[in-house]
Amino acid sequence: MELYITYKYRMYDNKQLRHIDDALTISADIWNHCIALLRYCYKRHHKMISITKMKSHIAKLRRSRSKYAAWKQLNSQAIQDVIERIYKSYDAFFSWLKDKSSGKKSIPHYKKPSRYTSFTLKQTGYKYHNGNRITIMGRDYKFVCHRPHYGEIKTITIKRTHSGKYYICFTVKENRDIITARTGNTVGIDFGLKHFLTLSNGETIDSPQWYKQLLPELRIKHRNLSRCMKNSYLRQRSFRA
């Protein structure tokens, strides 16, 4: 049985990560350009540009216009992924309108560079080395390989959290055998407040209570954060600590 599994690893903090920030800024630039073009065409001609024409348009701008020369720093497949995300979002919106589903769904909006947090590479733009090293768009990075991953790598995604941490996600295709029960024994599990898990055979498993264990350290970090000025470097560093 084929399964697609994603493994997530924390990237080491170093000066190289500024190039990841540059790639995310370019991704946001392309996103906003596509959104503006789609809205203009829909307002003017009452129809959408096809995804094929949009990809061709962005590739032409990237290749022939000096104004968009910075876009060449971003891998072409990462650019295509940005465009595909936009069209998936529009498809979801139109499906919501058609089905009249509950909840609220909106069209994709413009994004600030600080709000654009990830980009994806599929077949090119990266080279994975054994261990915890990977080359992304010509630059080497290291990540915390706390567990091995198996199978064929299909895509990698670089993510930046709001606290300024960076993660790399490998989506791999694995072939696994279907696991069947080897004994006839079954057990019921109940989640509770007094005990984390209570099994039908009478066994209980208590919660590790991570929050209470880390509460003294959390108090110190909150106290340090409250002393920092807003928008200062020290405040940003406190968020990342």
C-alpha atoms as a PDB file:
ATOM      1  CA  MET A   1       0.000   0.000   0.000  1.00  0.00           C
ATOM      2  CA  GLU A   2       1.380   3.423  -1.010  1.00  0.00           C
ATOM      3  CA  LEU A   3       1.252   6.182   1.570  1.00  0.00           C
ATOM      4  CA  TYR A   4       2.271   9.841   1.421  1.00  0.00           C
ATOM      5  CA  ILE A   5       3.808  10.927   4.718  1.00  0.00           C
ATOM      6  CA  THR A   6       5.256  14.294   5.746  1.00  0.00           C
ATOM      7  CA  TYR A   7       8.249  14.573   8.082  1.00  0.00           C
ATOM      8  CA  LYS A   8       8.923  17.935   9.714  1.00  0.00           C
ATOM      9  CA  TYR A   9      12.350  19.059  10.964  1.00  0.00           C
ATOM     10  CA  ARG A  10      13.615  22.245  12.608  1.00  0.00           C
ATOM     11  CA  MET A  11      16.290  24.088  10.632  1.00  0.00           C
ATOM     12  CA  TYR A  12      19.431  25.410  12.313  1.00  0.00           C
ATOM     13  CA  ASP A  13      19.449  29.160  12.932  1.00  0.00           C
ATOM     14  CA  ASN A  14      22.226  30.845  10.968  1.00  0.00           C
ATOM     15  CA  LYS A  15      22.858  33.728   8.573  1.00  0.00           C
ATOM     16  CA  GLN A  16      21.994  31.530   5.592  1.00  0.00           C
ATOM     17  CA  LEU A  17      18.318  31.726   6.544  1.00  0.00           C
ATOM     18  CA  ARG A  18      18.165  35.283   5.230  1.00  0.00           C
ATOM     19  CA  HIS A  19      18.085  33.726   1.759  1.00  0.00           C
ATOM     20  CA  ILE A  20      14.941  31.831   2.800  1.00  0.00           C
ATOM     21  CA  ASP A  21      13.435  35.186   3.791  1.00  0.00           C
ATOM     22  CA  ASP A  22      14.354  36.549   0.358  1.00  0.00           C
ATOM     23  CA  ALA A  23      12.656  33.576  -1.334  1.00  0.00           C
ATOM     24  CA  LEU A  24       9.504  34.129   0.736  1.00  0.00           C
ATOM     25  CA  THR A  25       9.509  37.838  -0.143  1.00  0.00           C
ATOM     26  CA  ILE A  26       9.741  36.969  -3.853  1.00  0.00           C
ATOM     27  CA  SER A  27       6.931  34.412  -3.440  1.00  0.00           C
ATOM     28  CA  ALA A  28       4.732  37.092  -1.867  1.00  0.00           C
ATOM     29  CA  ASP A  29       5.638  39.456  -4.719  1.00  0.00           C
ATOM     30  CA  ILE A  30       4.531  36.925  -7.329  1.00  0.00           C
ATOM     31  CA  TRP A  31       1.377  36.100  -5.352  1.00  0.00           C
ATOM     32  CA  ASN A  32       0.346  39.773  -5.208  1.00  0.00           C
ATOM     33  CA  HIS A  33       1.160  40.300  -8.897  1.00  0.00           C
ATOM     34  CA  CYS A  34      -1.061  37.360  -9.900  1.00  0.00           C
ATOM     35  CA  ILE A  35      -3.898  38.484  -7.623  1.00  0.00           C
ATOM     36  CA  ALA A  36      -3.785  41.999  -9.077  1.00  0.00           C
ATOM     37  CA  LEU A  37      -3.785  40.674 -12.653  1.00  0.00           C
ATOM     38  CA  LEU A  38      -6.660  38.251 -12.011  1.00  0.00           C
ATOM     39  CA  ARG A  39      -8.792  40.975 -10.403  1.00  0.00           C
ATOM     40  CA  TYR A  40      -8.079  43.417 -13.220  1.00  0.00           C
ATOM     41  CA  CYS A  41      -9.007  40.913 -15.938  1.00  0.00           C
ATOM     42  CA  TYR A  42     -12.152  39.816 -14.133  1.00  0.00           C
ATOM     43  CA  LYS A  43     -13.237  43.425 -13.629  1.00  0.00           C
ATOM     44  CA  ARG A  44     -12.463  44.345 -17.235  1.00  0.00           C
ATOM     45  CA  HIS A  45     -13.476  41.195 -19.136  1.00  0.00           C
ATOM     46  CA  HIS A  46     -15.562  39.267 -16.556  1.00  0.00           C
ATOM     47  CA  LYS A  47     -13.488  36.120 -16.921  1.00  0.00           C
ATOM     48  CA  MET A  48     -10.448  34.479 -15.370  1.00  0.00           C
ATOM     49  CA  ILE A  49      -7.049  33.919 -16.929  1.00  0.00           C
ATOM     50  CA  SER A  50      -6.264  30.215 -17.274  1.00  0.00           C
ATOM     51  CA  ILE A  51      -3.561  28.798 -15.052  1.00  0.00           C
ATOM     52  CA  THR A  52      -1.497  27.843 -18.124  1.00  0.00           C
ATOM     53  CA  LYS A  53      -1.507  31.412 -19.439  1.00  0.00           C
ATOM     54  CA  MET A  54      -0.682  32.757 -15.984  1.00  0.00           C
ATOM     55  CA  LYS A  55       2.354  30.480 -15.663  1.00  0.00           C
ATOM     56  CA  SER A  56       3.502  31.474 -19.140  1.00  0.00           C
ATOM     57  CA  HIS A  57       3.029  35.173 -18.323  1.00  0.00           C
ATOM     58  CA  ILE A  58       5.072  34.966 -15.110  1.00  0.00           C
ATOM     59  CA  ALA A  59       7.822  32.998 -16.859  1.00  0.00           C
ATOM     60  CA  LYS A  60       7.996  35.647 -19.605  1.00  0.00           C
ATOM     61  CA  LEU A  61       8.216  38.508 -17.103  1.00  0.00           C
ATOM     62  CA  ARG A  62      10.902  36.660 -15.162  1.00  0.00           C
ATOM     63  CA  ARG A  63      12.924  36.056 -18.290  1.00  0.00           C
ATOM     64  CA  SER A  64      12.624  39.314 -20.240  1.00  0.00           C
ATOM     65  CA  ARG A  65      11.879  42.194 -17.852  1.00  0.00           C
ATOM     66  CA  SER A  66      14.680  43.731 -15.811  1.00  0.00           C
ATOM     67  CA  LYS A  67      12.067  44.959 -13.313  1.00  0.00           C
ATOM     68  CA  TYR A  68      11.385  41.355 -12.338  1.00  0.00           C
ATOM     69  CA  ALA A  69      14.987  40.111 -12.483  1.00  0.00           C
ATOM     70  CA  ALA A  70      14.898  39.303  -8.748  1.00  0.00           C
ATOM     71  CA  TRP A  71      12.317  36.586  -9.472  1.00  0.00           C
ATOM     72  CA  LYS A  72      15.098  34.537 -11.072  1.00  0.00           C
ATOM     73  CA  GLN A  73      16.420  33.820  -7.576  1.00  0.00           C
ATOM     74  CA  LEU A  74      13.356  31.653  -6.925  1.00  0.00           C
ATOM     75  CA  ASN A  75      13.177  28.213  -8.497  1.00  0.00           C
ATOM     76  CA  SER A  76      10.682  27.914 -11.371  1.00  0.00           C
ATOM     77  CA  GLN A  77       8.788  25.073  -9.683  1.00  0.00           C
ATOM     78  CA  ALA A  78       8.404  27.133  -6.514  1.00  0.00           C
ATOM     79  CA  ILE A  79       6.911  29.910  -8.679  1.00  0.00           C
ATOM     80  CA  GLN A  80       4.504  27.442 -10.286  1.00  0.00           C
ATOM     81  CA  ASP A  81       3.463  26.270  -6.818  1.00  0.00           C
ATOM     82  CA  VAL A  82       2.607  29.866  -5.819  1.00  0.00           C
ATOM     83  CA  ILE A  83       0.334  30.163  -8.867  1.00  0.00           C
ATOM     84  CA  GLU A  84      -1.257  26.766  -8.197  1.00  0.00           C
ATOM     85  CA  ARG A  85      -2.062  27.808  -4.623  1.00  0.00           C
ATOM     86  CA  ILE A  86      -3.924  30.861  -5.912  1.00  0.00           C
ATOM     87  CA  TYR A  87      -6.039  28.845  -8.343  1.00  0.00           C
ATOM     88  CA  LYS A  88      -6.789  26.188  -5.722  1.00  0.00           C
ATOM     89  CA  SER A  89      -8.027  28.939  -3.430  1.00  0.00           C
ATOM     90  CA  TYR A  90     -10.256  30.362  -6.192  1.00  0.00           C
ATOM     91  CA  ASP A  91     -11.570  26.865  -7.005  1.00  0.00           C
ATOM     92  CA  ALA A  92     -12.449  26.346  -3.342  1.00  0.00           C
ATOM     93  CA  PHE A  93     -14.256  29.699  -3.266  1.00  0.00           C
ATOM     94  CA  PHE A  94     -16.297  28.978  -6.405  1.00  0.00           C
ATOM     95  CA  SER A  95     -17.147  25.485  -5.129  1.00  0.00           C
ATOM     96  CA  TRP A  96     -18.371  27.057  -1.891  1.00  0.00           C
ATOM     97  CA  LEU A  97     -20.581  29.459  -3.868  1.00  0.00           C
ATOM     98  CA  LYS A  98     -21.943  26.644  -6.026  1.00  0.00           C
ATOM     99  CA  ASP A  99     -22.694  24.259  -3.166  1.00  0.00           C
ATOM    100  CA  LYS A 100     -23.887  27.033  -0.831  1.00  0.00           C
ATOM    101  CA  SER A 101     -21.985  25.432   2.010  1.00  0.00           C
ATOM    102  CA  SER A 102     -22.077  26.719   5.556  1.00  0.00           C
ATOM    103  CA  GLY A 103     -19.281  28.883   6.916  1.00  0.00           C
ATOM    104  CA  LYS A 104     -17.488  31.728   5.230  1.00  0.00           C
ATOM    105  CA  LYS A 105     -15.154  31.356   2.263  1.00  0.00           C
ATOM    106  CA  SER A 106     -13.439  34.255   0.514  1.00  0.00           C
ATOM    107  CA  ILE A 107     -11.288  34.803  -2.536  1.00  0.00           C
ATOM    108  CA  PRO A 108      -7.504  34.958  -2.006  1.00  0.00           C
ATOM    109  CA  HIS A 109      -6.245  38.346  -0.845  1.00  0.00           C
ATOM    110  CA  TYR A 110      -2.988  40.257  -1.100  1.00  0.00           C
ATOM    111  CA  LYS A 111      -0.276  39.203   1.332  1.00  0.00           C
ATOM    112  CA  LYS A 112       2.518  41.129   2.987  1.00  0.00           C
ATOM    113  CA  PRO A 113       5.944  39.473   2.754  1.00  0.00           C
ATOM    114  CA  SER A 114       5.843  38.897   6.505  1.00  0.00           C
ATOM    115  CA  ARG A 115       2.563  36.982   6.107  1.00  0.00           C
ATOM    116  CA  TYR A 116       3.748  34.706   3.319  1.00  0.00           C
ATOM    117  CA  THR A 117       5.273  31.814   5.247  1.00  0.00           C
ATOM    118  CA  SER A 118       6.148  28.891   2.944  1.00  0.00           C
ATOM    119  CA  PHE A 119       7.202  27.749  -0.496  1.00  0.00           C
ATOM    120  CA  THR A 120       7.394  24.266  -2.050  1.00  0.00           C
ATOM    121  CA  LEU A 121       9.902  22.592  -4.353  1.00  0.00           C
ATOM    122  CA  LYS A 122       8.872  19.458  -6.229  1.00  0.00           C
ATOM    123  CA  GLN A 123      11.517  17.912  -8.469  1.00  0.00           C
ATOM    124  CA  THR A 124      14.226  20.530  -8.896  1.00  0.00           C
ATOM    125  CA  GLY A 125      15.780  23.310  -6.861  1.00  0.00           C
ATOM    126  CA  TYR A 126      17.079  21.069  -4.080  1.00  0.00           C
ATOM    127  CA  LYS A 127      19.549  18.255  -3.469  1.00  0.00           C
ATOM    128  CA  TYR A 128      19.284  16.146  -0.349  1.00  0.00           C
ATOM    129  CA  HIS A 129      22.515  14.821   1.144  1.00  0.00           C
ATOM    130  CA  ASN A 130      22.624  11.913   3.548  1.00  0.00           C
ATOM    131  CA  GLY A 131      22.100  12.921   7.144  1.00  0.00           C
ATOM    132  CA  ASN A 132      20.922  16.431   7.999  1.00  0.00           C
ATOM    133  CA  ARG A 133      22.180  18.496   5.077  1.00  0.00           C
ATOM    134  CA  ILE A 134      20.288  19.786   2.069  1.00  0.00           C
ATOM    135  CA  THR A 135      21.087  22.188  -0.754  1.00  0.00           C
ATOM    136  CA  ILE A 136      18.211  24.533  -1.627  1.00  0.00           C
ATOM    137  CA  MET A 137      18.537  26.726  -4.700  1.00  0.00           C
ATOM    138  CA  GLY A 138      22.333  26.517  -4.569  1.00  0.00           C
ATOM    139  CA  ARG A 139      22.793  27.117  -0.820  1.00  0.00           C
ATOM    140  CA  ASP A 140      23.515  24.564   1.905  1.00  0.00           C
ATOM    141  CA  TYR A 141      21.381  24.269   5.031  1.00  0.00           C
ATOM    142  CA  LYS A 142      21.343  22.000   8.066  1.00  0.00           C
ATOM    143  CA  PHE A 143      18.345  20.723  10.007  1.00  0.00           C
ATOM    144  CA  VAL A 144      17.772  18.759  13.206  1.00  0.00           C
ATOM    145  CA  CYS A 145      17.260  15.194  11.986  1.00  0.00           C
ATOM    146  CA  HIS A 146      15.619  13.839  15.156  1.00  0.00           C
ATOM    147  CA  ARG A 147      14.155  10.846  13.317  1.00  0.00           C
ATOM    148  CA  PRO A 148      14.888   9.156   9.985  1.00  0.00           C
ATOM    149  CA  HIS A 149      12.535   9.350   7.030  1.00  0.00           C
ATOM    150  CA  TYR A 150      11.983   6.586   4.519  1.00  0.00           C
ATOM    151  CA  GLY A 151      10.739   6.363   0.969  1.00  0.00           C
ATOM    152  CA  GLU A 152      11.031   8.530  -2.123  1.00  0.00           C
ATOM    153  CA  ILE A 153      11.017  12.295  -1.566  1.00  0.00           C
ATOM    154  CA  LYS A 154       8.262  13.875  -3.674  1.00  0.00           C
ATOM    155  CA  THR A 155       8.271  17.484  -2.419  1.00  0.00           C
ATOM    156  CA  ILE A 156      10.002  19.625   0.174  1.00  0.00           C
ATOM    157  CA  THR A 157       8.386  22.655   1.816  1.00  0.00           C
ATOM    158  CA  ILE A 158      10.198  25.382   3.726  1.00  0.00           C
ATOM    159  CA  LYS A 159       8.099  27.054   6.411  1.00  0.00           C
ATOM    160  CA  ARG A 160       8.643  30.086   8.629  1.00  0.00           C
ATOM    161  CA  THR A 161       6.540  30.381  11.769  1.00  0.00           C
ATOM    162  CA  HIS A 162       5.283  33.671  13.196  1.00  0.00           C
ATOM    163  CA  SER A 163       7.852  33.330  15.984  1.00  0.00           C
ATOM    164  CA  GLY A 164      10.685  33.331  13.422  1.00  0.00           C
ATOM    165  CA  LYS A 165      11.544  29.618  13.455  1.00  0.00           C
ATOM    166  CA  TYR A 166      12.208  27.739  10.218  1.00  0.00           C
ATOM    167  CA  TYR A 167      11.187  24.185   9.390  1.00  0.00           C
ATOM    168  CA  ILE A 168      11.731  21.853   6.456  1.00  0.00           C
ATOM    169  CA  CYS A 169       9.017  19.330   5.561  1.00  0.00           C
ATOM    170  CA  PHE A 170       9.707  16.256   3.438  1.00  0.00           C
ATOM    171  CA  THR A 171       6.701  14.633   1.771  1.00  0.00           C
ATOM    172  CA  VAL A 172       7.689  11.068   0.889  1.00  0.00           C
ATOM    173  CA  LYS A 173       5.981   8.125  -0.755  1.00  0.00           C
ATOM    174  CA  GLU A 174       6.296   4.921   1.224  1.00  0.00           C
ATOM    175  CA  ASN A 175       5.239   1.387   0.449  1.00  0.00           C
ATOM    176  CA  ARG A 176       3.881  -0.218   3.595  1.00  0.00           C
ATOM    177  CA  ASP A 177       2.226  -3.514   4.299  1.00  0.00           C
ATOM    178  CA  ILE A 178      -1.280  -3.443   5.724  1.00  0.00           C
ATOM    179  CA  ILE A 179      -1.035  -4.244   9.418  1.00  0.00           C
ATOM    180  CA  THR A 180      -3.638  -6.658  10.697  1.00  0.00           C
ATOM    181  CA  ALA A 181      -4.363  -7.638  14.290  1.00  0.00           C
ATOM    182  CA  ARG A 182      -2.187 -10.568  15.425  1.00  0.00           C
ATOM    183  CA  THR A 183      -4.098 -11.316  18.611  1.00  0.00           C
ATOM    184  CA  GLY A 184      -7.780 -11.401  19.227  1.00  0.00           C
ATOM    185  CA  ASN A 185      -7.514  -8.988  22.149  1.00  0.00           C
ATOM    186  CA  THR A 186      -9.102  -5.551  21.963  1.00  0.00           C
ATOM    187  CA  VAL A 187      -9.326  -2.754  24.498  1.00  0.00           C
ATOM    188  CA  GLY A 188     -11.526   0.327  24.832  1.00  0.00           C
ATOM    189  CA  ILE A 189      -9.918   3.709  25.533  1.00  0.00           C
ATOM    190  CA  ASP A 190     -11.550   6.665  27.274  1.00  0.00           C
ATOM    191  CA  PHE A 191     -10.079  10.175  27.546  1.00  0.00           C
ATOM    192  CA  GLY A 192     -10.652  11.868  30.885  1.00  0.00           C
ATOM    193  CA  LEU A 193      -9.668  14.777  33.105  1.00  0.00           C
ATOM    194  CA  LYS A 194      -8.438  12.899  36.165  1.00  0.00           C
ATOM    195  CA  HIS A 195      -6.540  10.363  34.048  1.00  0.00           C
ATOM    196  CA  PHE A 196      -5.339  11.010  30.501  1.00  0.00           C
ATOM    197  CA  LEU A 197      -6.375   7.529  29.319  1.00  0.00           C
ATOM    198  CA  THR A 198      -8.479   4.877  31.019  1.00  0.00           C
ATOM    199  CA  LEU A 199      -8.495   1.428  29.431  1.00  0.00           C
ATOM    200  CA  SER A 200     -11.381  -0.996  29.620  1.00  0.00           C
ATOM    201  CA  ASN A 201      -9.146  -3.507  31.436  1.00  0.00           C
ATOM    202  CA  GLY A 202      -8.786  -1.059  34.355  1.00  0.00           C
ATOM    203  CA  GLU A 203      -5.338   0.306  33.480  1.00  0.00           C
ATOM    204  CA  THR A 204      -4.869   4.086  33.623  1.00  0.00           C
ATOM    205  CA  ILE A 205      -2.319   6.369  31.966  1.00  0.00           C
ATOM    206  CA  ASP A 206      -1.726   9.780  33.525  1.00  0.00           C
ATOM    207  CA  SER A 207      -1.078  12.975  31.558  1.00  0.00           C
ATOM    208  CA  PRO A 208       2.564  14.167  31.481  1.00  0.00           C
ATOM    209  CA  GLN A 209       1.307  17.734  32.192  1.00  0.00           C
ATOM    210  CA  TRP A 210       3.937  19.458  30.089  1.00  0.00           C
ATOM    211  CA  TYR A 211       2.467  22.885  30.774  1.00  0.00           C
ATOM    212  CA  LYS A 212       2.879  22.608  34.542  1.00  0.00           C
ATOM    213  CA  GLN A 213       6.392  21.242  34.154  1.00  0.00           C
ATOM    214  CA  LEU A 214       7.463  24.157  31.941  1.00  0.00           C
ATOM    215  CA  LEU A 215       5.521  26.856  33.831  1.00  0.00           C
ATOM    216  CA  PRO A 216       8.551  28.243  35.785  1.00  0.00           C
ATOM    217  CA  GLU A 217      10.535  28.612  32.552  1.00  0.00           C
ATOM    218  CA  LEU A 218       7.518  30.157  30.816  1.00  0.00           C
ATOM    219  CA  ARG A 219       7.170  32.775  33.586  1.00  0.00           C
ATOM    220  CA  ILE A 220      10.808  33.831  33.096  1.00  0.00           C
ATOM    221  CA  LYS A 221      10.388  34.138  29.314  1.00  0.00           C
ATOM    222  CA  HIS A 222       7.187  36.196  29.661  1.00  0.00           C
ATOM    223  CA  ARG A 223       8.892  38.478  32.166  1.00  0.00           C
ATOM    224  CA  ASN A 224      11.834  39.033  29.811  1.00  0.00           C
ATOM    225  CA  LEU A 225       9.467  39.675  26.898  1.00  0.00           C
ATOM    226  CA  SER A 226       7.458  42.272  28.829  1.00  0.00           C
ATOM    227  CA  ARG A 227      10.636  44.307  29.410  1.00  0.00           C
ATOM    228  CA  CYS A 228      11.437  44.608  25.698  1.00  0.00           C
ATOM    229  CA  MET A 229      10.334  47.537  23.567  1.00  0.00           C
ATOM    230  CA  LYS A 230       7.860  46.829  20.791  1.00  0.00           C
ATOM    231  CA  ASN A 231       9.348  46.177  17.319  1.00  0.00           C
ATOM    232  CA  SER A 232      12.854  45.981  18.812  1.00  0.00           C
ATOM    233  CA  TYR A 233      15.475  43.362  17.959  1.00  0.00           C
ATOM    234  CA  LEU A 234      15.510  42.079  21.543  1.00  0.00           C
ATOM    235  CA  ARG A 235      11.751  41.509  21.424  1.00  0.00           C
ATOM    236  CA  GLN A 236      12.057  39.509  18.201  1.00  0.00           C
ATOM    237  CA  ARG A 237      14.862  37.462  19.727  1.00  0.00           C
ATOM    238  CA  SER A 238      12.738  36.811  22.823  1.00  0.00           C
ATOM    239  CA  PHE A 239       9.990  35.425  20.611  1.00  0.00           C
ATOM    240  CA  ARG A 240      12.453  33.022  19.004  1.00  0.00           C
ATOM    241  CA  ALA A 241      13.981  31.870  22.287  1.00  0.00           C
END
